[in-house]
Amino acid sequence: MTILGSCHCGAIKFEISEAPTIVTACTCTFCTKRGALWAYFQPAQVKLSVTPEADTAYSRNGMNKHHHCNVCGCGTFSQVPTWIDYKPDFDKPRISVNVRLFDNFDIGSLPVETLDGRNLW
């Protein structure tokens, strides 16, 4: 099942090769303020179509690169390492996608895992 999604203005679009089975609500200060629900994928599972002048990335610590559209303001996707026992594995990169931007997809049908990022990071 292919999932399509985009920011509000359409300058950043993505195509996901399969539906997520769970979404993550992170409680870190960044994710809480952003209001995103994340689904994690291997880079090969995500096809991005990004208008370069619309894409801006933010990274507080250099580990996670959080992208957003600087035209409409939507938080779109992040480039992150895989985390194992709360340690980053940079050899296994992932793309986290804000599932709130999925088109024609019932995100309410997915279980939500809360990650206590406020106290873990």
PDB file of N, CA and C in Angstrom:
ATOM      1  N   MET A   1       0.847  -1.177   0.000  1.00  0.00           N
ATOM      2  CA  MET A   1       0.000   0.000   0.000  1.00  0.00           C
ATOM      3  C   MET A   1       0.890   1.237   0.000  1.00  0.00           C
ATOM      4  N   THR A   2       0.819   2.028  -1.034  1.00  0.00           N
ATOM      5  CA  THR A   2       1.593   3.257  -1.133  1.00  0.00           C
ATOM      6  C   THR A   2       0.836   4.384  -0.441  1.00  0.00           C
ATOM      7  N   ILE A   3       1.550   5.155   0.371  1.00  0.00           N
ATOM      8  CA  ILE A   3       0.983   6.301   1.073  1.00  0.00           C
ATOM      9  C   ILE A   3       1.576   7.565   0.474  1.00  0.00           C
ATOM     10  N   LEU A   4       0.722   8.528   0.162  1.00  0.00           N
ATOM     11  CA  LEU A   4       1.161   9.819  -0.328  1.00  0.00           C
ATOM     12  C   LEU A   4       0.922  10.868   0.749  1.00  0.00           C
ATOM     13  N   GLY A   5       1.752  11.888   0.744  1.00  0.00           N
ATOM     14  CA  GLY A   5       1.583  12.973   1.694  1.00  0.00           C
ATOM     15  C   GLY A   5       2.342  14.189   1.228  1.00  0.00           C
ATOM     16  N   SER A   6       2.052  15.328   1.873  1.00  0.00           N
ATOM     17  CA  SER A   6       2.755  16.558   1.516  1.00  0.00           C
ATOM     18  C   SER A   6       2.525  17.596   2.593  1.00  0.00           C
ATOM     19  N   CYS A   7       3.335  18.639   2.517  1.00  0.00           N
ATOM     20  CA  CYS A   7       3.078  19.808   3.349  1.00  0.00           C
ATOM     21  C   CYS A   7       1.820  20.486   2.811  1.00  0.00           C
ATOM     22  N   HIS A   8       1.359  21.524   3.464  1.00  0.00           N
ATOM     23  CA  HIS A   8       0.109  22.173   3.077  1.00  0.00           C
ATOM     24  C   HIS A   8       0.161  22.764   1.673  1.00  0.00           C
ATOM     25  N   CYS A   9       1.277  23.387   1.315  1.00  0.00           N
ATOM     26  CA  CYS A   9       1.370  24.026   0.000  1.00  0.00           C
ATOM     27  C   CYS A   9       1.828  23.079  -1.105  1.00  0.00           C
ATOM     28  N   GLY A  10       2.312  21.888  -0.740  1.00  0.00           N
ATOM     29  CA  GLY A  10       2.741  20.909  -1.739  1.00  0.00           C
ATOM     30  C   GLY A  10       4.170  21.042  -2.205  1.00  0.00           C
ATOM     31  N   ALA A  11       4.938  21.933  -1.611  1.00  0.00           N
ATOM     32  CA  ALA A  11       6.333  22.101  -2.026  1.00  0.00           C
ATOM     33  C   ALA A  11       7.204  20.927  -1.590  1.00  0.00           C
ATOM     34  N   ILE A  12       6.788  20.220  -0.544  1.00  0.00           N
ATOM     35  CA  ILE A  12       7.490  19.019  -0.091  1.00  0.00           C
ATOM     36  C   ILE A  12       6.482  17.879  -0.108  1.00  0.00           C
ATOM     37  N   LYS A  13       6.763  16.884  -0.934  1.00  0.00           N
ATOM     38  CA  LYS A  13       5.878  15.732  -1.086  1.00  0.00           C
ATOM     39  C   LYS A  13       6.664  14.472  -0.775  1.00  0.00           C
ATOM     40  N   PHE A  14       5.948  13.452  -0.352  1.00  0.00           N
ATOM     41  CA  PHE A  14       6.597  12.176  -0.125  1.00  0.00           C
ATOM     42  C   PHE A  14       5.671  11.034  -0.476  1.00  0.00           C
ATOM     43  N   GLU A  15       6.306   9.925  -0.810  1.00  0.00           N
ATOM     44  CA  GLU A  15       5.617   8.686  -1.128  1.00  0.00           C
ATOM     45  C   GLU A  15       6.257   7.598  -0.272  1.00  0.00           C
ATOM     46  N   ILE A  16       5.426   6.915   0.495  1.00  0.00           N
ATOM     47  CA  ILE A  16       5.901   5.869   1.394  1.00  0.00           C
ATOM     48  C   ILE A  16       5.488   4.529   0.813  1.00  0.00           C
ATOM     49  N   SER A  17       6.397   3.574   0.780  1.00  0.00           N
ATOM     50  CA  SER A  17       6.118   2.298   0.122  1.00  0.00           C
ATOM     51  C   SER A  17       5.171   1.381   0.891  1.00  0.00           C
ATOM     52  N   GLU A  18       5.016   1.606   2.183  1.00  0.00           N
ATOM     53  CA  GLU A  18       4.087   0.778   2.957  1.00  0.00           C
ATOM     54  C   GLU A  18       3.549   1.557   4.148  1.00  0.00           C
ATOM     55  N   ALA A  19       2.370   1.181   4.582  1.00  0.00           N
ATOM     56  CA  ALA A  19       1.737   1.870   5.704  1.00  0.00           C
ATOM     57  C   ALA A  19       2.466   1.544   7.002  1.00  0.00           C
ATOM     58  N   PRO A  20       2.565   2.518   7.890  1.00  0.00           N
ATOM     59  CA  PRO A  20       3.166   2.235   9.200  1.00  0.00           C
ATOM     60  C   PRO A  20       2.213   1.374  10.030  1.00  0.00           C
ATOM     61  N   THR A  21       2.771   0.668  10.981  1.00  0.00           N
ATOM     62  CA  THR A  21       1.948  -0.150  11.872  1.00  0.00           C
ATOM     63  C   THR A  21       1.775   0.510  13.230  1.00  0.00           C
ATOM     64  N   ILE A  22       2.576   1.545  13.489  1.00  0.00           N
ATOM     65  CA  ILE A  22       2.533   2.274  14.755  1.00  0.00           C
ATOM     66  C   ILE A  22       3.083   3.673  14.506  1.00  0.00           C
ATOM     67  N   VAL A  23       2.649   4.632  15.300  1.00  0.00           N
ATOM     68  CA  VAL A  23       3.209   5.979  15.228  1.00  0.00           C
ATOM     69  C   VAL A  23       3.754   6.348  16.597  1.00  0.00           C
ATOM     70  N   THR A  24       4.673   7.291  16.603  1.00  0.00           N
ATOM     71  CA  THR A  24       5.330   7.707  17.835  1.00  0.00           C
ATOM     72  C   THR A  24       5.005   9.163  18.147  1.00  0.00           C
ATOM     73  N   ALA A  25       4.611   9.391  19.378  1.00  0.00           N
ATOM     74  CA  ALA A  25       4.452  10.746  19.906  1.00  0.00           C
ATOM     75  C   ALA A  25       5.605  10.945  20.883  1.00  0.00           C
ATOM     76  N   CYS A  26       6.545  11.793  20.513  1.00  0.00           N
ATOM     77  CA  CYS A  26       7.708  12.051  21.354  1.00  0.00           C
ATOM     78  C   CYS A  26       7.411  13.256  22.246  1.00  0.00           C
ATOM     79  N   THR A  27       7.844  13.171  23.499  1.00  0.00           N
ATOM     80  CA  THR A  27       7.588  14.250  24.458  1.00  0.00           C
ATOM     81  C   THR A  27       8.764  15.209  24.615  1.00  0.00           C
ATOM     82  N   CYS A  28       9.792  15.094  23.764  1.00  0.00           N
ATOM     83  CA  CYS A  28      10.897  16.057  23.860  1.00  0.00           C
ATOM     84  C   CYS A  28      10.354  17.451  23.552  1.00  0.00           C
ATOM     85  N   THR A  29      11.090  18.470  23.922  1.00  0.00           N
ATOM     86  CA  THR A  29      10.597  19.830  23.749  1.00  0.00           C
ATOM     87  C   THR A  29      10.366  20.177  22.279  1.00  0.00           C
ATOM     88  N   PHE A  30      11.199  19.674  21.379  1.00  0.00           N
ATOM     89  CA  PHE A  30      11.034  19.972  19.961  1.00  0.00           C
ATOM     90  C   PHE A  30       9.767  19.330  19.406  1.00  0.00           C
ATOM     91  N   CYS A  31       9.605  18.035  19.620  1.00  0.00           N
ATOM     92  CA  CYS A  31       8.446  17.330  19.063  1.00  0.00           C
ATOM     93  C   CYS A  31       7.143  17.805  19.696  1.00  0.00           C
ATOM     94  N   THR A  32       7.169  18.115  20.977  1.00  0.00           N
ATOM     95  CA  THR A  32       5.970  18.618  21.633  1.00  0.00           C
ATOM     96  C   THR A  32       5.541  19.940  21.009  1.00  0.00           C
ATOM     97  N   LYS A  33       6.489  20.834  20.801  1.00  0.00           N
ATOM     98  CA  LYS A  33       6.152  22.129  20.207  1.00  0.00           C
ATOM     99  C   LYS A  33       5.741  21.995  18.744  1.00  0.00           C
ATOM    100  N   ARG A  34       6.289  21.006  18.056  1.00  0.00           N
ATOM    101  CA  ARG A  34       5.955  20.789  16.644  1.00  0.00           C
ATOM    102  C   ARG A  34       4.595  20.125  16.483  1.00  0.00           C
ATOM    103  N   GLY A  35       4.223  19.257  17.415  1.00  0.00           N
ATOM    104  CA  GLY A  35       2.922  18.602  17.360  1.00  0.00           C
ATOM    105  C   GLY A  35       2.838  17.478  16.344  1.00  0.00           C
ATOM    106  N   ALA A  36       3.950  16.881  16.016  1.00  0.00           N
ATOM    107  CA  ALA A  36       3.969  15.826  15.002  1.00  0.00           C
ATOM    108  C   ALA A  36       3.730  14.452  15.623  1.00  0.00           C
ATOM    109  N   LEU A  37       3.253  13.547  14.787  1.00  0.00           N
ATOM    110  CA  LEU A  37       3.242  12.115  15.089  1.00  0.00           C
ATOM    111  C   LEU A  37       4.169  11.495  14.050  1.00  0.00           C
ATOM    112  N   TRP A  38       5.113  10.698  14.502  1.00  0.00           N
ATOM    113  CA  TRP A  38       6.165  10.188  13.618  1.00  0.00           C
ATOM    114  C   TRP A  38       5.969   8.727  13.268  1.00  0.00           C
ATOM    115  N   ALA A  39       6.289   8.388  12.021  1.00  0.00           N
ATOM    116  CA  ALA A  39       6.437   7.005  11.577  1.00  0.00           C
ATOM    117  C   ALA A  39       7.846   6.900  11.008  1.00  0.00           C
ATOM    118  N   TYR A  40       8.512   5.798  11.301  1.00  0.00           N
ATOM    119  CA  TYR A  40       9.922   5.636  10.930  1.00  0.00           C
ATOM    120  C   TYR A  40      10.068   4.631   9.798  1.00  0.00           C
ATOM    121  N   PHE A  41      10.939   4.968   8.847  1.00  0.00           N
ATOM    122  CA  PHE A  41      11.135   4.139   7.664  1.00  0.00           C
ATOM    123  C   PHE A  41      12.610   4.070   7.294  1.00  0.00           C
ATOM    124  N   GLN A  42      12.961   3.030   6.575  1.00  0.00           N
ATOM    125  CA  GLN A  42      14.283   2.951   5.967  1.00  0.00           C
ATOM    126  C   GLN A  42      14.298   3.942   4.801  1.00  0.00           C
ATOM    127  N   PRO A  43      15.433   4.557   4.500  1.00  0.00           N
ATOM    128  CA  PRO A  43      15.474   5.544   3.409  1.00  0.00           C
ATOM    129  C   PRO A  43      14.924   5.021   2.081  1.00  0.00           C
ATOM    130  N   ALA A  44      15.124   3.742   1.780  1.00  0.00           N
ATOM    131  CA  ALA A  44      14.633   3.186   0.519  1.00  0.00           C
ATOM    132  C   ALA A  44      13.108   3.122   0.460  1.00  0.00           C
ATOM    133  N   GLN A  45      12.437   3.233   1.596  1.00  0.00           N
ATOM    134  CA  GLN A  45      10.980   3.183   1.636  1.00  0.00           C
ATOM    135  C   GLN A  45      10.324   4.537   1.408  1.00  0.00           C
ATOM    136  N   VAL A  46      11.123   5.595   1.362  1.00  0.00           N
ATOM    137  CA  VAL A  46      10.588   6.954   1.260  1.00  0.00           C
ATOM    138  C   VAL A  46      11.115   7.616  -0.005  1.00  0.00           C
ATOM    139  N   LYS A  47      10.193   8.079  -0.837  1.00  0.00           N
ATOM    140  CA  LYS A  47      10.568   8.851  -2.019  1.00  0.00           C
ATOM    141  C   LYS A  47      10.154  10.287  -1.754  1.00  0.00           C
ATOM    142  N   LEU A  48      11.135  11.172  -1.704  1.00  0.00           N
ATOM    143  CA  LEU A  48      10.877  12.588  -1.430  1.00  0.00           C
ATOM    144  C   LEU A  48      10.905  13.390  -2.716  1.00  0.00           C
ATOM    145  N   SER A  49      10.013  14.363  -2.797  1.00  0.00           N
ATOM    146  CA  SER A  49      10.014  15.340  -3.878  1.00  0.00           C
ATOM    147  C   SER A  49      10.017  16.707  -3.197  1.00  0.00           C
ATOM    148  N   VAL A  50      11.181  17.328  -3.191  1.00  0.00           N
ATOM    149  CA  VAL A  50      11.380  18.536  -2.399  1.00  0.00           C
ATOM    150  C   VAL A  50      11.770  19.706  -3.295  1.00  0.00           C
ATOM    151  N   THR A  51      11.002  20.780  -3.216  1.00  0.00           N
ATOM    152  CA  THR A  51      11.387  22.019  -3.874  1.00  0.00           C
ATOM    153  C   THR A  51      12.518  22.614  -3.030  1.00  0.00           C
ATOM    154  N   PRO A  52      13.754  22.664  -3.556  1.00  0.00           N
ATOM    155  CA  PRO A  52      14.907  23.034  -2.724  1.00  0.00           C
ATOM    156  C   PRO A  52      14.749  24.340  -1.953  1.00  0.00           C
ATOM    157  N   GLU A  53      14.205  25.371  -2.571  1.00  0.00           N
ATOM    158  CA  GLU A  53      14.092  26.648  -1.872  1.00  0.00           C
ATOM    159  C   GLU A  53      13.010  26.639  -0.794  1.00  0.00           C
ATOM    160  N   ALA A  54      12.164  25.610  -0.760  1.00  0.00           N
ATOM    161  CA  ALA A  54      11.124  25.513   0.269  1.00  0.00           C
ATOM    162  C   ALA A  54      11.575  24.695   1.474  1.00  0.00           C
ATOM    163  N   ASP A  55      12.631  23.922   1.329  1.00  0.00           N
ATOM    164  CA  ASP A  55      13.068  23.006   2.388  1.00  0.00           C
ATOM    165  C   ASP A  55      14.105  23.661   3.295  1.00  0.00           C
ATOM    166  N   THR A  56      13.841  23.590   4.578  1.00  0.00           N
ATOM    167  CA  THR A  56      14.785  24.077   5.578  1.00  0.00           C
ATOM    168  C   THR A  56      14.957  22.994   6.628  1.00  0.00           C
ATOM    169  N   ALA A  57      16.190  22.782   7.066  1.00  0.00           N
ATOM    170  CA  ALA A  57      16.460  21.771   8.097  1.00  0.00           C
ATOM    171  C   ALA A  57      16.979  22.449   9.355  1.00  0.00           C
ATOM    172  N   TYR A  58      16.571  21.885  10.478  1.00  0.00           N
ATOM    173  CA  TYR A  58      17.006  22.369  11.788  1.00  0.00           C
ATOM    174  C   TYR A  58      17.630  21.194  12.536  1.00  0.00           C
ATOM    175  N   SER A  59      18.746  21.444  13.178  1.00  0.00           N
ATOM    176  CA  SER A  59      19.386  20.420  13.988  1.00  0.00           C
ATOM    177  C   SER A  59      19.982  21.078  15.220  1.00  0.00           C
ATOM    178  N   ARG A  60      19.479  20.690  16.360  1.00  0.00           N
ATOM    179  CA  ARG A  60      19.985  21.276  17.603  1.00  0.00           C
ATOM    180  C   ARG A  60      21.353  20.700  17.967  1.00  0.00           C
ATOM    181  N   ASN A  61      21.518  19.396  17.726  1.00  0.00           N
ATOM    182  CA  ASN A  61      22.740  18.733  18.168  1.00  0.00           C
ATOM    183  C   ASN A  61      23.526  18.083  17.035  1.00  0.00           C
ATOM    184  N   GLY A  62      23.075  18.239  15.795  1.00  0.00           N
ATOM    185  CA  GLY A  62      23.766  17.647  14.658  1.00  0.00           C
ATOM    186  C   GLY A  62      23.399  16.203  14.395  1.00  0.00           C
ATOM    187  N   MET A  63      22.682  15.573  15.315  1.00  0.00           N
ATOM    188  CA  MET A  63      22.327  14.169  15.158  1.00  0.00           C
ATOM    189  C   MET A  63      21.070  13.973  14.318  1.00  0.00           C
ATOM    190  N   ASN A  64      20.050  14.748  14.609  1.00  0.00           N
ATOM    191  CA  ASN A  64      18.765  14.663  13.911  1.00  0.00           C
ATOM    192  C   ASN A  64      18.588  15.917  13.075  1.00  0.00           C
ATOM    193  N   LYS A  65      18.216  15.728  11.806  1.00  0.00           N
ATOM    194  CA  LYS A  65      17.963  16.864  10.921  1.00  0.00           C
ATOM    195  C   LYS A  65      16.465  16.913  10.662  1.00  0.00           C
ATOM    196  N   HIS A  66      15.810  17.910  11.237  1.00  0.00           N
ATOM    197  CA  HIS A  66      14.363  18.063  11.158  1.00  0.00           C
ATOM    198  C   HIS A  66      14.029  19.054  10.047  1.00  0.00           C
ATOM    199  N   HIS A  67      13.293  18.592   9.059  1.00  0.00           N
ATOM    200  CA  HIS A  67      12.956  19.419   7.902  1.00  0.00           C
ATOM    201  C   HIS A  67      11.560  20.014   8.052  1.00  0.00           C
ATOM    202  N   HIS A  68      11.411  21.212   7.503  1.00  0.00           N
ATOM    203  CA  HIS A  68      10.094  21.833   7.416  1.00  0.00           C
ATOM    204  C   HIS A  68      10.028  22.690   6.161  1.00  0.00           C
ATOM    205  N   CYS A  69       8.804  22.968   5.755  1.00  0.00           N
ATOM    206  CA  CYS A  69       8.596  23.810   4.588  1.00  0.00           C
ATOM    207  C   CYS A  69       8.617  25.266   5.030  1.00  0.00           C
ATOM    208  N   ASN A  70       9.500  26.044   4.432  1.00  0.00           N
ATOM    209  CA  ASN A  70       9.559  27.450   4.816  1.00  0.00           C
ATOM    210  C   ASN A  70       8.550  28.306   4.048  1.00  0.00           C
ATOM    211  N   VAL A  71       7.701  27.675   3.238  1.00  0.00           N
ATOM    212  CA  VAL A  71       6.615  28.386   2.570  1.00  0.00           C
ATOM    213  C   VAL A  71       5.361  28.329   3.449  1.00  0.00           C
ATOM    214  N   CYS A  72       4.922  27.104   3.816  1.00  0.00           N
ATOM    215  CA  CYS A  72       3.684  26.968   4.591  1.00  0.00           C
ATOM    216  C   CYS A  72       3.924  26.643   6.067  1.00  0.00           C
ATOM    217  N   GLY A  73       5.160  26.274   6.431  1.00  0.00           N
ATOM    218  CA  GLY A  73       5.505  26.064   7.829  1.00  0.00           C
ATOM    219  C   GLY A  73       5.336  24.657   8.363  1.00  0.00           C
ATOM    220  N   CYS A  74       4.845  23.729   7.570  1.00  0.00           N
ATOM    221  CA  CYS A  74       4.618  22.363   8.071  1.00  0.00           C
ATOM    222  C   CYS A  74       5.930  21.648   8.376  1.00  0.00           C
ATOM    223  N   GLY A  75       5.983  20.959   9.521  1.00  0.00           N
ATOM    224  CA  GLY A  75       7.086  20.063   9.836  1.00  0.00           C
ATOM    225  C   GLY A  75       6.868  18.779   9.058  1.00  0.00           C
ATOM    226  N   THR A  76       7.796  18.403   8.196  1.00  0.00           N
ATOM    227  CA  THR A  76       7.553  17.350   7.216  1.00  0.00           C
ATOM    228  C   THR A  76       8.220  16.021   7.531  1.00  0.00           C
ATOM    229  N   PHE A  77       9.546  16.012   7.621  1.00  0.00           N
ATOM    230  CA  PHE A  77      10.269  14.764   7.850  1.00  0.00           C
ATOM    231  C   PHE A  77      11.563  15.070   8.579  1.00  0.00           C
ATOM    232  N   SER A  78      12.181  14.014   9.084  1.00  0.00           N
ATOM    233  CA  SER A  78      13.471  14.152   9.761  1.00  0.00           C
ATOM    234  C   SER A  78      14.401  13.046   9.292  1.00  0.00           C
ATOM    235  N   GLN A  79      15.673  13.338   9.261  1.00  0.00           N
ATOM    236  CA  GLN A  79      16.711  12.339   8.999  1.00  0.00           C
ATOM    237  C   GLN A  79      17.347  12.033  10.347  1.00  0.00           C
ATOM    238  N   VAL A  80      17.214  10.784  10.775  1.00  0.00           N
ATOM    239  CA  VAL A  80      17.642  10.398  12.122  1.00  0.00           C
ATOM    240  C   VAL A  80      18.392   9.075  12.082  1.00  0.00           C
ATOM    241  N   PRO A  81      19.238   8.818  13.072  1.00  0.00           N
ATOM    242  CA  PRO A  81      19.843   7.488  13.173  1.00  0.00           C
ATOM    243  C   PRO A  81      18.842   6.517  13.810  1.00  0.00           C
ATOM    244  N   THR A  82      19.107   5.256  13.681  1.00  0.00           N
ATOM    245  CA  THR A  82      18.371   4.263  14.456  1.00  0.00           C
ATOM    246  C   THR A  82      18.903   4.327  15.876  1.00  0.00           C
ATOM    247  N   TRP A  83      18.010   4.265  16.839  1.00  0.00           N
ATOM    248  CA  TRP A  83      18.412   4.312  18.243  1.00  0.00           C
ATOM    249  C   TRP A  83      18.302   2.916  18.840  1.00  0.00           C
ATOM    250  N   ILE A  84      19.389   2.446  19.439  1.00  0.00           N
ATOM    251  CA  ILE A  84      19.430   1.140  20.081  1.00  0.00           C
ATOM    252  C   ILE A  84      19.886   1.355  21.518  1.00  0.00           C
ATOM    253  N   ASP A  85      19.052   0.963  22.460  1.00  0.00           N
ATOM    254  CA  ASP A  85      19.338   1.180  23.886  1.00  0.00           C
ATOM    255  C   ASP A  85      19.701   2.640  24.161  1.00  0.00           C
ATOM    256  N   TYR A  86      18.956   3.545  23.517  1.00  0.00           N
ATOM    257  CA  TYR A  86      19.106   4.996  23.693  1.00  0.00           C
ATOM    258  C   TYR A  86      20.449   5.531  23.213  1.00  0.00           C
ATOM    259  N   LYS A  87      21.080   4.785  22.292  1.00  0.00           N
ATOM    260  CA  LYS A  87      22.334   5.232  21.686  1.00  0.00           C
ATOM    261  C   LYS A  87      22.140   5.259  20.168  1.00  0.00           C
ATOM    262  N   PRO A  88      22.651   6.299  19.485  1.00  0.00           N
ATOM    263  CA  PRO A  88      22.459   6.389  18.036  1.00  0.00           C
ATOM    264  C   PRO A  88      23.349   5.416  17.274  1.00  0.00           C
ATOM    265  N   ASP A  89      22.782   4.770  16.267  1.00  0.00           N
ATOM    266  CA  ASP A  89      23.525   3.923  15.346  1.00  0.00           C
ATOM    267  C   ASP A  89      23.510   4.636  13.993  1.00  0.00           C
ATOM    268  N   PHE A  90      24.574   5.363  13.701  1.00  0.00           N
ATOM    269  CA  PHE A  90      24.642   6.171  12.490  1.00  0.00           C
ATOM    270  C   PHE A  90      24.789   5.340  11.230  1.00  0.00           C
ATOM    271  N   ASP A  91      25.104   4.058  11.370  1.00  0.00           N
ATOM    272  CA  ASP A  91      25.211   3.169  10.215  1.00  0.00           C
ATOM    273  C   ASP A  91      23.845   2.704   9.731  1.00  0.00           C
ATOM    274  N   LYS A  92      22.791   3.017  10.490  1.00  0.00           N
ATOM    275  CA  LYS A  92      21.428   2.619  10.135  1.00  0.00           C
ATOM    276  C   LYS A  92      20.519   3.847  10.150  1.00  0.00           C
ATOM    277  N   PRO A  93      20.658   4.710   9.134  1.00  0.00           N
ATOM    278  CA  PRO A  93      19.831   5.918   9.111  1.00  0.00           C
ATOM    279  C   PRO A  93      18.361   5.586   8.850  1.00  0.00           C
ATOM    280  N   ARG A  94      17.507   6.477   9.327  1.00  0.00           N
ATOM    281  CA  ARG A  94      16.077   6.342   9.089  1.00  0.00           C
ATOM    282  C   ARG A  94      15.506   7.710   8.705  1.00  0.00           C
ATOM    283  N   ILE A  95      14.343   7.646   8.118  1.00  0.00           N
ATOM    284  CA  ILE A  95      13.569   8.847   7.818  1.00  0.00           C
ATOM    285  C   ILE A  95      12.310   8.761   8.672  1.00  0.00           C
ATOM    286  N   SER A  96      12.074   9.782   9.470  1.00  0.00           N
ATOM    287  CA  SER A  96      10.800   9.843  10.195  1.00  0.00           C
ATOM    288  C   SER A  96       9.920  10.839   9.452  1.00  0.00           C
ATOM    289  N   VAL A  97       8.682  10.445   9.241  1.00  0.00           N
ATOM    290  CA  VAL A  97       7.744  11.258   8.487  1.00  0.00           C
ATOM    291  C   VAL A  97       6.583  11.635   9.404  1.00  0.00           C
ATOM    292  N   ASN A  98       6.167  12.881   9.320  1.00  0.00           N
ATOM    293  CA  ASN A  98       5.035  13.357  10.105  1.00  0.00           C
ATOM    294  C   ASN A  98       3.754  12.776   9.495  1.00  0.00           C
ATOM    295  N   VAL A  99       3.165  11.782  10.145  1.00  0.00           N
ATOM    296  CA  VAL A  99       1.995  11.104   9.585  1.00  0.00           C
ATOM    297  C   VAL A  99       0.767  12.007   9.531  1.00  0.00           C
ATOM    298  N   ARG A 100       0.803  13.123  10.226  1.00  0.00           N
ATOM    299  CA  ARG A 100      -0.318  14.066  10.133  1.00  0.00           C
ATOM    300  C   ARG A 100      -0.423  14.666   8.732  1.00  0.00           C
ATOM    301  N   LEU A 101       0.617  14.488   7.917  1.00  0.00           N
ATOM    302  CA  LEU A 101       0.625  15.013   6.549  1.00  0.00           C
ATOM    303  C   LEU A 101       0.221  13.970   5.515  1.00  0.00           C
ATOM    304  N   PHE A 102      -0.113  12.744   5.940  1.00  0.00           N
ATOM    305  CA  PHE A 102      -0.536  11.712   5.000  1.00  0.00           C
ATOM    306  C   PHE A 102      -1.874  12.098   4.370  1.00  0.00           C
ATOM    307  N   ASP A 103      -2.028  11.818   3.085  1.00  0.00           N
ATOM    308  CA  ASP A 103      -3.284  12.049   2.372  1.00  0.00           C
ATOM    309  C   ASP A 103      -4.141  10.779   2.445  1.00  0.00           C
ATOM    310  N   ASN A 104      -5.409  10.947   2.673  1.00  0.00           N
ATOM    311  CA  ASN A 104      -6.368   9.834   2.617  1.00  0.00           C
ATOM    312  C   ASN A 104      -5.920   8.627   3.425  1.00  0.00           C
ATOM    313  N   PHE A 105      -5.524   8.864   4.653  1.00  0.00           N
ATOM    314  CA  PHE A 105      -5.047   7.788   5.527  1.00  0.00           C
ATOM    315  C   PHE A 105      -5.615   8.026   6.921  1.00  0.00           C
ATOM    316  N   ASP A 106      -6.169   6.996   7.512  1.00  0.00           N
ATOM    317  CA  ASP A 106      -6.772   7.094   8.838  1.00  0.00           C
ATOM    318  C   ASP A 106      -5.705   6.881   9.904  1.00  0.00           C
ATOM    319  N   ILE A 107      -5.052   7.962  10.338  1.00  0.00           N
ATOM    320  CA  ILE A 107      -4.007   7.807  11.351  1.00  0.00           C
ATOM    321  C   ILE A 107      -4.595   7.428  12.701  1.00  0.00           C
ATOM    322  N   GLY A 108      -5.888   7.667  12.899  1.00  0.00           N
ATOM    323  CA  GLY A 108      -6.540   7.286  14.141  1.00  0.00           C
ATOM    324  C   GLY A 108      -6.642   5.785  14.332  1.00  0.00           C
ATOM    325  N   SER A 109      -6.424   5.025  13.253  1.00  0.00           N
ATOM    326  CA  SER A 109      -6.494   3.572  13.353  1.00  0.00           C
ATOM    327  C   SER A 109      -5.186   2.950  13.858  1.00  0.00           C
ATOM    328  N   LEU A 110      -4.140   3.765  13.965  1.00  0.00           N
ATOM    329  CA  LEU A 110      -2.830   3.241  14.372  1.00  0.00           C
ATOM    330  C   LEU A 110      -2.596   3.432  15.872  1.00  0.00           C
ATOM    331  N   PRO A 111      -1.964   2.450  16.512  1.00  0.00           N
ATOM    332  CA  PRO A 111      -1.591   2.659  17.911  1.00  0.00           C
ATOM    333  C   PRO A 111      -0.512   3.731  18.018  1.00  0.00           C
ATOM    334  N   VAL A 112      -0.567   4.488  19.104  1.00  0.00           N
ATOM    335  CA  VAL A 112       0.405   5.559  19.344  1.00  0.00           C
ATOM    336  C   VAL A 112       1.297   5.156  20.506  1.00  0.00           C
ATOM    337  N   GLU A 113       2.589   5.107  20.241  1.00  0.00           N
ATOM    338  CA  GLU A 113       3.587   4.828  21.270  1.00  0.00           C
ATOM    339  C   GLU A 113       4.141   6.174  21.736  1.00  0.00           C
ATOM    340  N   THR A 114       4.146   6.394  23.039  1.00  0.00           N
ATOM    341  CA  THR A 114       4.714   7.627  23.569  1.00  0.00           C
ATOM    342  C   THR A 114       6.166   7.381  23.950  1.00  0.00           C
ATOM    343  N   LEU A 115       7.038   8.212  23.441  1.00  0.00           N
ATOM    344  CA  LEU A 115       8.458   8.151  23.736  1.00  0.00           C
ATOM    345  C   LEU A 115       8.778   9.306  24.682  1.00  0.00           C
ATOM    346  N   ASP A 116       9.298   9.001  25.838  1.00  0.00           N
ATOM    347  CA  ASP A 116       9.583  10.023  26.849  1.00  0.00           C
ATOM    348  C   ASP A 116      10.871  10.770  26.513  1.00  0.00           C
ATOM    349  N   GLY A 117      10.864  11.456  25.377  1.00  0.00           N
ATOM    350  CA  GLY A 117      12.046  12.197  24.935  1.00  0.00           C
ATOM    351  C   GLY A 117      12.438  13.335  25.865  1.00  0.00           C
ATOM    352  N   ARG A 118      11.493  13.861  26.599  1.00  0.00           N
ATOM    353  CA  ARG A 118      11.797  14.964  27.520  1.00  0.00           C
ATOM    354  C   ARG A 118      12.789  14.523  28.599  1.00  0.00           C
ATOM    355  N   ASN A 119      12.693  13.267  29.021  1.00  0.00           N
ATOM    356  CA  ASN A 119      13.568  12.774  30.081  1.00  0.00           C
ATOM    357  C   ASN A 119      14.694  11.880  29.591  1.00  0.00           C
ATOM    358  N   LEU A 120      14.611  11.390  28.355  1.00  0.00           N
ATOM    359  CA  LEU A 120      15.641  10.485  27.837  1.00  0.00           C
ATOM    360  C   LEU A 120      16.813  11.212  27.192  1.00  0.00           C
ATOM    361  N   TRP A 121      16.541  12.340  26.559  1.00  0.00           N
ATOM    362  CA  TRP A 121      17.610  13.007  25.815  1.00  0.00           C
ATOM    363  C   TRP A 121      18.298  13.992  26.700  1.00  0.00           C
TER     364      TRP A 121
END
